[in-house]
């Protein structure tokens, strides 16, 4: 019944006096997560309410602690279990999920509960260099090895497959013949920091029928 109650809250549109509650899921250091947290501090209609990780030692949890954001670590088994992850999100009244370097595939039950309300950022121009195992420096190494002239970021909805959901936003950066994977990573990270929070805001406005605003 808790799942039904939460789903009803999403479908009924949010009470104008309640902020949209965002959960960030990450598996690593959490630089993107911190950037998102900072962006939504003091926002009028949305807030980062929870940070989740499948790794208890991931630094993303420490970043959440520093900003006073509740955080929880869980095992892969817990994440794939409807009896564990769905009540957790329901109890924390989460409305929207943002992946930021999260390496586990999202279970179908979660996708069904949050239709068009789970988004991810990928460090390349999908459909190139996506799929299982393609994350972080592996992507940049593949881009350089292929002699690509451009890379960039893709922000997309999550579906039942890795990196295959509908694309929300893409932007590019030039890859020079002399660039190393590290050089490409620096350029891509700059795009992530610049655009991801803004696209999260715009997507939430669209999906919840909110009036576009500037923080």
C-alpha atoms as a PDB file:
ATOM      1  CA  UNK A   1       0.000   0.000   0.000  1.00  0.00           C
ATOM      2  CA  UNK A   2       2.931   2.348   0.574  1.00  0.00           C
ATOM      3  CA  UNK A   3       3.926   1.963  -3.079  1.00  0.00           C
ATOM      4  CA  UNK A   4       0.414   2.913  -4.205  1.00  0.00           C
ATOM      5  CA  UNK A   5       0.372   5.931  -1.909  1.00  0.00           C
ATOM      6  CA  UNK A   6       3.668   7.176  -3.282  1.00  0.00           C
ATOM      7  CA  UNK A   7       2.638   6.631  -6.889  1.00  0.00           C
ATOM      8  CA  UNK A   8      -0.553   8.576  -6.239  1.00  0.00           C
ATOM      9  CA  UNK A   9       1.482  11.495  -4.938  1.00  0.00           C
ATOM     10  CA  UNK A  10       3.438  11.584  -8.192  1.00  0.00           C
ATOM     11  CA  UNK A  11       0.398  11.291 -10.442  1.00  0.00           C
ATOM     12  CA  UNK A  12      -1.684  13.845  -8.610  1.00  0.00           C
ATOM     13  CA  UNK A  13       0.933  16.555  -9.170  1.00  0.00           C
ATOM     14  CA  UNK A  14       2.792  17.992  -6.247  1.00  0.00           C
ATOM     15  CA  UNK A  15       1.113  20.268  -3.722  1.00  0.00           C
ATOM     16  CA  UNK A  16       2.379  23.781  -4.528  1.00  0.00           C
ATOM     17  CA  UNK A  17       3.564  24.113  -0.950  1.00  0.00           C
ATOM     18  CA  UNK A  18       5.687  20.959  -1.182  1.00  0.00           C
ATOM     19  CA  UNK A  19       9.034  20.777  -2.946  1.00  0.00           C
ATOM     20  CA  UNK A  20       9.847  18.058  -5.454  1.00  0.00           C
ATOM     21  CA  UNK A  21      12.137  15.677  -3.581  1.00  0.00           C
ATOM     22  CA  UNK A  22      15.151  14.433  -5.552  1.00  0.00           C
ATOM     23  CA  UNK A  23      17.272  11.393  -4.750  1.00  0.00           C
ATOM     24  CA  UNK A  24      20.766  11.172  -6.238  1.00  0.00           C
ATOM     25  CA  UNK A  25      22.246   7.721  -6.835  1.00  0.00           C
ATOM     26  CA  UNK A  26      26.006   7.361  -7.278  1.00  0.00           C
ATOM     27  CA  UNK A  27      28.772   4.812  -6.935  1.00  0.00           C
ATOM     28  CA  UNK A  28      31.878   6.984  -6.839  1.00  0.00           C
ATOM     29  CA  UNK A  29      33.402  10.218  -5.603  1.00  0.00           C
ATOM     30  CA  UNK A  30      30.281  12.295  -6.183  1.00  0.00           C
ATOM     31  CA  UNK A  31      31.609  15.451  -7.832  1.00  0.00           C
ATOM     32  CA  UNK A  32      28.504  15.680 -10.007  1.00  0.00           C
ATOM     33  CA  UNK A  33      26.317  14.986  -6.990  1.00  0.00           C
ATOM     34  CA  UNK A  34      27.919  17.814  -5.026  1.00  0.00           C
ATOM     35  CA  UNK A  35      27.421  20.172  -7.954  1.00  0.00           C
ATOM     36  CA  UNK A  36      23.734  19.208  -8.106  1.00  0.00           C
ATOM     37  CA  UNK A  37      23.305  19.591  -4.342  1.00  0.00           C
ATOM     38  CA  UNK A  38      24.836  23.070  -4.463  1.00  0.00           C
ATOM     39  CA  UNK A  39      22.641  24.074  -7.400  1.00  0.00           C
ATOM     40  CA  UNK A  40      19.398  23.158  -5.639  1.00  0.00           C
ATOM     41  CA  UNK A  41      20.252  24.677  -2.273  1.00  0.00           C
ATOM     42  CA  UNK A  42      17.517  27.204  -1.536  1.00  0.00           C
ATOM     43  CA  UNK A  43      15.560  26.302  -4.675  1.00  0.00           C
ATOM     44  CA  UNK A  44      11.926  27.370  -4.500  1.00  0.00           C
ATOM     45  CA  UNK A  45      10.284  24.209  -5.862  1.00  0.00           C
ATOM     46  CA  UNK A  46      12.748  21.307  -5.658  1.00  0.00           C
ATOM     47  CA  UNK A  47      15.420  19.930  -3.346  1.00  0.00           C
ATOM     48  CA  UNK A  48      17.946  17.129  -3.052  1.00  0.00           C
ATOM     49  CA  UNK A  49      16.416  15.096  -0.231  1.00  0.00           C
ATOM     50  CA  UNK A  50      18.484  11.889  -0.279  1.00  0.00           C
ATOM     51  CA  UNK A  51      21.767  10.473  -1.561  1.00  0.00           C
ATOM     52  CA  UNK A  52      22.067   6.732  -2.184  1.00  0.00           C
ATOM     53  CA  UNK A  53      25.034   4.540  -3.050  1.00  0.00           C
ATOM     54  CA  UNK A  54      25.704   0.858  -3.629  1.00  0.00           C
ATOM     55  CA  UNK A  55      29.129   1.327  -2.056  1.00  0.00           C
ATOM     56  CA  UNK A  56      29.484   2.069   1.646  1.00  0.00           C
ATOM     57  CA  UNK A  57      32.948   3.589   1.062  1.00  0.00           C
ATOM     58  CA  UNK A  58      31.920   5.849  -1.847  1.00  0.00           C
ATOM     59  CA  UNK A  59      32.919   9.459  -1.226  1.00  0.00           C
ATOM     60  CA  UNK A  60      29.555  10.648  -2.537  1.00  0.00           C
ATOM     61  CA  UNK A  61      28.189   9.741   0.913  1.00  0.00           C
ATOM     62  CA  UNK A  62      30.723  11.986   2.618  1.00  0.00           C
ATOM     63  CA  UNK A  63      29.753  14.839   0.301  1.00  0.00           C
ATOM     64  CA  UNK A  64      26.116  14.330   1.273  1.00  0.00           C
ATOM     65  CA  UNK A  65      27.072  14.404   4.952  1.00  0.00           C
ATOM     66  CA  UNK A  66      28.979  17.673   4.496  1.00  0.00           C
ATOM     67  CA  UNK A  67      25.849  19.318   3.073  1.00  0.00           C
ATOM     68  CA  UNK A  68      23.490  17.842   5.634  1.00  0.00           C
ATOM     69  CA  UNK A  69      21.737  15.604   3.094  1.00  0.00           C
ATOM     70  CA  UNK A  70      20.471  12.245   4.403  1.00  0.00           C
ATOM     71  CA  UNK A  71      22.394   9.358   2.850  1.00  0.00           C
ATOM     72  CA  UNK A  72      22.112   5.590   2.739  1.00  0.00           C
ATOM     73  CA  UNK A  73      24.363   2.814   1.421  1.00  0.00           C
ATOM     74  CA  UNK A  74      22.889  -0.486   0.282  1.00  0.00           C
ATOM     75  CA  UNK A  75      23.992  -3.749  -1.294  1.00  0.00           C
ATOM     76  CA  UNK A  76      23.279  -4.790  -4.869  1.00  0.00           C
ATOM     77  CA  UNK A  77      20.906  -7.414  -3.495  1.00  0.00           C
ATOM     78  CA  UNK A  78      18.978  -4.767  -1.575  1.00  0.00           C
ATOM     79  CA  UNK A  79      18.775  -2.545  -4.638  1.00  0.00           C
ATOM     80  CA  UNK A  80      17.354  -5.304  -6.806  1.00  0.00           C
ATOM     81  CA  UNK A  81      14.809  -6.274  -4.174  1.00  0.00           C
ATOM     82  CA  UNK A  82      11.416  -4.564  -4.374  1.00  0.00           C
ATOM     83  CA  UNK A  83      10.998  -5.204  -0.658  1.00  0.00           C
ATOM     84  CA  UNK A  84      14.062  -3.070   0.113  1.00  0.00           C
ATOM     85  CA  UNK A  85      14.502  -0.201  -2.337  1.00  0.00           C
ATOM     86  CA  UNK A  86      10.867   0.741  -3.005  1.00  0.00           C
ATOM     87  CA  UNK A  87       9.906   1.196   0.665  1.00  0.00           C
ATOM     88  CA  UNK A  88      13.094   3.207   1.173  1.00  0.00           C
ATOM     89  CA  UNK A  89      12.156   5.665  -1.557  1.00  0.00           C
ATOM     90  CA  UNK A  90       8.553   5.758  -0.402  1.00  0.00           C
ATOM     91  CA  UNK A  91       9.451   6.465   3.220  1.00  0.00           C
ATOM     92  CA  UNK A  92      11.653   9.348   2.080  1.00  0.00           C
ATOM     93  CA  UNK A  93       8.879  10.668  -0.223  1.00  0.00           C
ATOM     94  CA  UNK A  94      11.154  10.698  -3.261  1.00  0.00           C
ATOM     95  CA  UNK A  95       9.595  12.096  -6.441  1.00  0.00           C
ATOM     96  CA  UNK A  96      12.473  12.086  -8.910  1.00  0.00           C
ATOM     97  CA  UNK A  97      15.709  10.094  -9.262  1.00  0.00           C
ATOM     98  CA  UNK A  98      18.977  11.379 -10.693  1.00  0.00           C
ATOM     99  CA  UNK A  99      21.861   9.043 -11.528  1.00  0.00           C
ATOM    100  CA  UNK A 100      25.338  10.514 -11.172  1.00  0.00           C
ATOM    101  CA  UNK A 101      27.979   7.872 -11.788  1.00  0.00           C
ATOM    102  CA  UNK A 102      25.714   5.051 -10.623  1.00  0.00           C
ATOM    103  CA  UNK A 103      26.893   1.708 -11.981  1.00  0.00           C
ATOM    104  CA  UNK A 104      24.004  -0.668 -11.255  1.00  0.00           C
ATOM    105  CA  UNK A 105      21.222  -1.292 -13.751  1.00  0.00           C
ATOM    106  CA  UNK A 106      17.890   0.118 -12.606  1.00  0.00           C
ATOM    107  CA  UNK A 107      15.352  -2.653 -11.837  1.00  0.00           C
ATOM    108  CA  UNK A 108      12.148  -2.765 -13.849  1.00  0.00           C
ATOM    109  CA  UNK A 109       9.949  -2.262 -10.779  1.00  0.00           C
ATOM    110  CA  UNK A 110      11.633   1.061 -10.094  1.00  0.00           C
ATOM    111  CA  UNK A 111      11.246   2.198 -13.702  1.00  0.00           C
ATOM    112  CA  UNK A 112       7.547   1.360 -13.571  1.00  0.00           C
ATOM    113  CA  UNK A 113       7.069   3.296 -10.342  1.00  0.00           C
ATOM    114  CA  UNK A 114       8.927   6.351 -11.677  1.00  0.00           C
ATOM    115  CA  UNK A 115       8.005   6.590 -15.382  1.00  0.00           C
ATOM    116  CA  UNK A 116      10.020   9.382 -17.037  1.00  0.00           C
ATOM    117  CA  UNK A 117      11.251  10.388 -13.598  1.00  0.00           C
ATOM    118  CA  UNK A 118      14.676   8.720 -13.583  1.00  0.00           C
ATOM    119  CA  UNK A 119      17.444  10.349 -15.590  1.00  0.00           C
ATOM    120  CA  UNK A 120      21.122   9.670 -16.164  1.00  0.00           C
ATOM    121  CA  UNK A 121      24.117  11.454 -17.629  1.00  0.00           C
ATOM    122  CA  UNK A 122      26.549   9.602 -19.897  1.00  0.00           C
ATOM    123  CA  UNK A 123      30.028  10.956 -20.759  1.00  0.00           C
ATOM    124  CA  UNK A 124      29.734  10.521 -24.531  1.00  0.00           C
ATOM    125  CA  UNK A 125      27.366  11.173 -27.386  1.00  0.00           C
ATOM    126  CA  UNK A 126      24.998   8.229 -27.282  1.00  0.00           C
ATOM    127  CA  UNK A 127      24.304   5.908 -28.990  1.00  0.00           C
ATOM    128  CA  UNK A 128      28.095   5.725 -29.358  1.00  0.00           C
ATOM    129  CA  UNK A 129      30.172   4.392 -26.465  1.00  0.00           C
ATOM    130  CA  UNK A 130      27.288   3.277 -24.312  1.00  0.00           C
ATOM    131  CA  UNK A 131      26.193  -0.006 -22.818  1.00  0.00           C
ATOM    132  CA  UNK A 132      27.218  -2.212 -19.926  1.00  0.00           C
ATOM    133  CA  UNK A 133      30.737  -1.561 -18.717  1.00  0.00           C
ATOM    134  CA  UNK A 134      31.075   1.730 -20.575  1.00  0.00           C
ATOM    135  CA  UNK A 135      31.572   4.346 -17.878  1.00  0.00           C
ATOM    136  CA  UNK A 136      34.173   6.818 -16.676  1.00  0.00           C
ATOM    137  CA  UNK A 137      37.609   6.661 -18.210  1.00  0.00           C
ATOM    138  CA  UNK A 138      36.701   3.608 -20.286  1.00  0.00           C
ATOM    139  CA  UNK A 139      34.490   5.846 -22.397  1.00  0.00           C
ATOM    140  CA  UNK A 140      37.146   8.515 -22.889  1.00  0.00           C
ATOM    141  CA  UNK A 141      39.750   5.896 -23.798  1.00  0.00           C
ATOM    142  CA  UNK A 142      37.407   4.461 -26.422  1.00  0.00           C
ATOM    143  CA  UNK A 143      36.678   7.914 -27.859  1.00  0.00           C
ATOM    144  CA  UNK A 144      40.382   8.718 -28.224  1.00  0.00           C
ATOM    145  CA  UNK A 145      41.235   5.267 -29.612  1.00  0.00           C
ATOM    146  CA  UNK A 146      38.562   5.661 -32.288  1.00  0.00           C
ATOM    147  CA  UNK A 147      39.945   9.023 -33.384  1.00  0.00           C
ATOM    148  CA  UNK A 148      36.684  10.845 -32.748  1.00  0.00           C
ATOM    149  CA  UNK A 149      36.677  14.585 -33.429  1.00  0.00           C
ATOM    150  CA  UNK A 150      33.941  15.261 -30.876  1.00  0.00           C
ATOM    151  CA  UNK A 151      32.713  13.893 -27.593  1.00  0.00           C
ATOM    152  CA  UNK A 152      30.310  15.391 -25.074  1.00  0.00           C
ATOM    153  CA  UNK A 153      27.480  14.478 -22.741  1.00  0.00           C
ATOM    154  CA  UNK A 154      24.117  12.820 -23.128  1.00  0.00           C
ATOM    155  CA  UNK A 155      21.364  13.249 -20.544  1.00  0.00           C
ATOM    156  CA  UNK A 156      18.630  10.673 -21.004  1.00  0.00           C
ATOM    157  CA  UNK A 157      15.682   8.946 -19.388  1.00  0.00           C
ATOM    158  CA  UNK A 158      16.293   5.512 -17.923  1.00  0.00           C
ATOM    159  CA  UNK A 159      14.660   2.445 -19.415  1.00  0.00           C
ATOM    160  CA  UNK A 160      15.242  -1.287 -18.931  1.00  0.00           C
ATOM    161  CA  UNK A 161      18.527  -1.285 -20.909  1.00  0.00           C
ATOM    162  CA  UNK A 162      21.874   0.398 -20.316  1.00  0.00           C
ATOM    163  CA  UNK A 163      22.127   3.859 -21.918  1.00  0.00           C
ATOM    164  CA  UNK A 164      19.197   3.345 -24.284  1.00  0.00           C
ATOM    165  CA  UNK A 165      16.480   5.615 -22.861  1.00  0.00           C
ATOM    166  CA  UNK A 166      15.116   8.596 -24.768  1.00  0.00           C
ATOM    167  CA  UNK A 167      17.612  11.427 -25.068  1.00  0.00           C
ATOM    168  CA  UNK A 168      16.742  14.656 -23.268  1.00  0.00           C
ATOM    169  CA  UNK A 169      19.835  16.728 -24.019  1.00  0.00           C
ATOM    170  CA  UNK A 170      23.216  16.500 -25.740  1.00  0.00           C
ATOM    171  CA  UNK A 171      26.092  18.897 -26.166  1.00  0.00           C
ATOM    172  CA  UNK A 172      29.572  18.460 -27.575  1.00  0.00           C
ATOM    173  CA  UNK A 173      33.212  19.256 -26.982  1.00  0.00           C
ATOM    174  CA  UNK A 174      36.026  19.047 -29.480  1.00  0.00           C
ATOM    175  CA  UNK A 175      38.529  16.211 -29.269  1.00  0.00           C
ATOM    176  CA  UNK A 176      41.920  17.309 -30.587  1.00  0.00           C
ATOM    177  CA  UNK A 177      44.372  14.854 -32.204  1.00  0.00           C
ATOM    178  CA  UNK A 178      46.732  15.504 -29.290  1.00  0.00           C
ATOM    179  CA  UNK A 179      44.124  14.927 -26.568  1.00  0.00           C
ATOM    180  CA  UNK A 180      44.607  12.116 -24.063  1.00  0.00           C
ATOM    181  CA  UNK A 181      41.689  10.392 -22.347  1.00  0.00           C
ATOM    182  CA  UNK A 182      42.391  12.643 -19.362  1.00  0.00           C
ATOM    183  CA  UNK A 183      42.112  15.740 -21.560  1.00  0.00           C
ATOM    184  CA  UNK A 184      38.768  14.553 -22.883  1.00  0.00           C
ATOM    185  CA  UNK A 185      37.580  13.767 -19.358  1.00  0.00           C
ATOM    186  CA  UNK A 186      38.336  17.335 -18.238  1.00  0.00           C
ATOM    187  CA  UNK A 187      36.302  18.759 -21.118  1.00  0.00           C
ATOM    188  CA  UNK A 188      33.392  16.376 -20.555  1.00  0.00           C
ATOM    189  CA  UNK A 189      33.324  17.027 -16.811  1.00  0.00           C
ATOM    190  CA  UNK A 190      33.098  20.757 -17.474  1.00  0.00           C
ATOM    191  CA  UNK A 191      29.998  20.132 -19.601  1.00  0.00           C
ATOM    192  CA  UNK A 192      28.497  17.912 -16.907  1.00  0.00           C
ATOM    193  CA  UNK A 193      28.924  20.577 -14.235  1.00  0.00           C
ATOM    194  CA  UNK A 194      27.558  23.301 -16.509  1.00  0.00           C
ATOM    195  CA  UNK A 195      24.473  21.564 -17.866  1.00  0.00           C
ATOM    196  CA  UNK A 196      23.314  18.661 -15.690  1.00  0.00           C
ATOM    197  CA  UNK A 197      21.692  20.641 -12.846  1.00  0.00           C
ATOM    198  CA  UNK A 198      19.897  22.932 -15.281  1.00  0.00           C
ATOM    199  CA  UNK A 199      18.568  20.002 -17.338  1.00  0.00           C
ATOM    200  CA  UNK A 200      17.397  18.269 -14.146  1.00  0.00           C
ATOM    201  CA  UNK A 201      15.434  21.397 -13.247  1.00  0.00           C
ATOM    202  CA  UNK A 202      13.929  21.714 -16.723  1.00  0.00           C
ATOM    203  CA  UNK A 203      12.983  18.030 -16.838  1.00  0.00           C
ATOM    204  CA  UNK A 204      11.284  18.182 -13.440  1.00  0.00           C
ATOM    205  CA  UNK A 205       9.350  21.275 -14.530  1.00  0.00           C
ATOM    206  CA  UNK A 206       8.203  19.420 -17.632  1.00  0.00           C
ATOM    207  CA  UNK A 207       7.319  16.115 -15.987  1.00  0.00           C
ATOM    208  CA  UNK A 208       5.445  17.676 -13.068  1.00  0.00           C
ATOM    209  CA  UNK A 209       3.820  20.474 -15.036  1.00  0.00           C
ATOM    210  CA  UNK A 210       5.540  23.207 -13.062  1.00  0.00           C
ATOM    211  CA  UNK A 211       6.023  26.762 -14.212  1.00  0.00           C
ATOM    212  CA  UNK A 212       9.615  27.173 -15.435  1.00  0.00           C
ATOM    213  CA  UNK A 213      11.630  29.207 -12.997  1.00  0.00           C
ATOM    214  CA  UNK A 214      15.163  30.250 -12.241  1.00  0.00           C
ATOM    215  CA  UNK A 215      15.955  28.496  -8.986  1.00  0.00           C
END
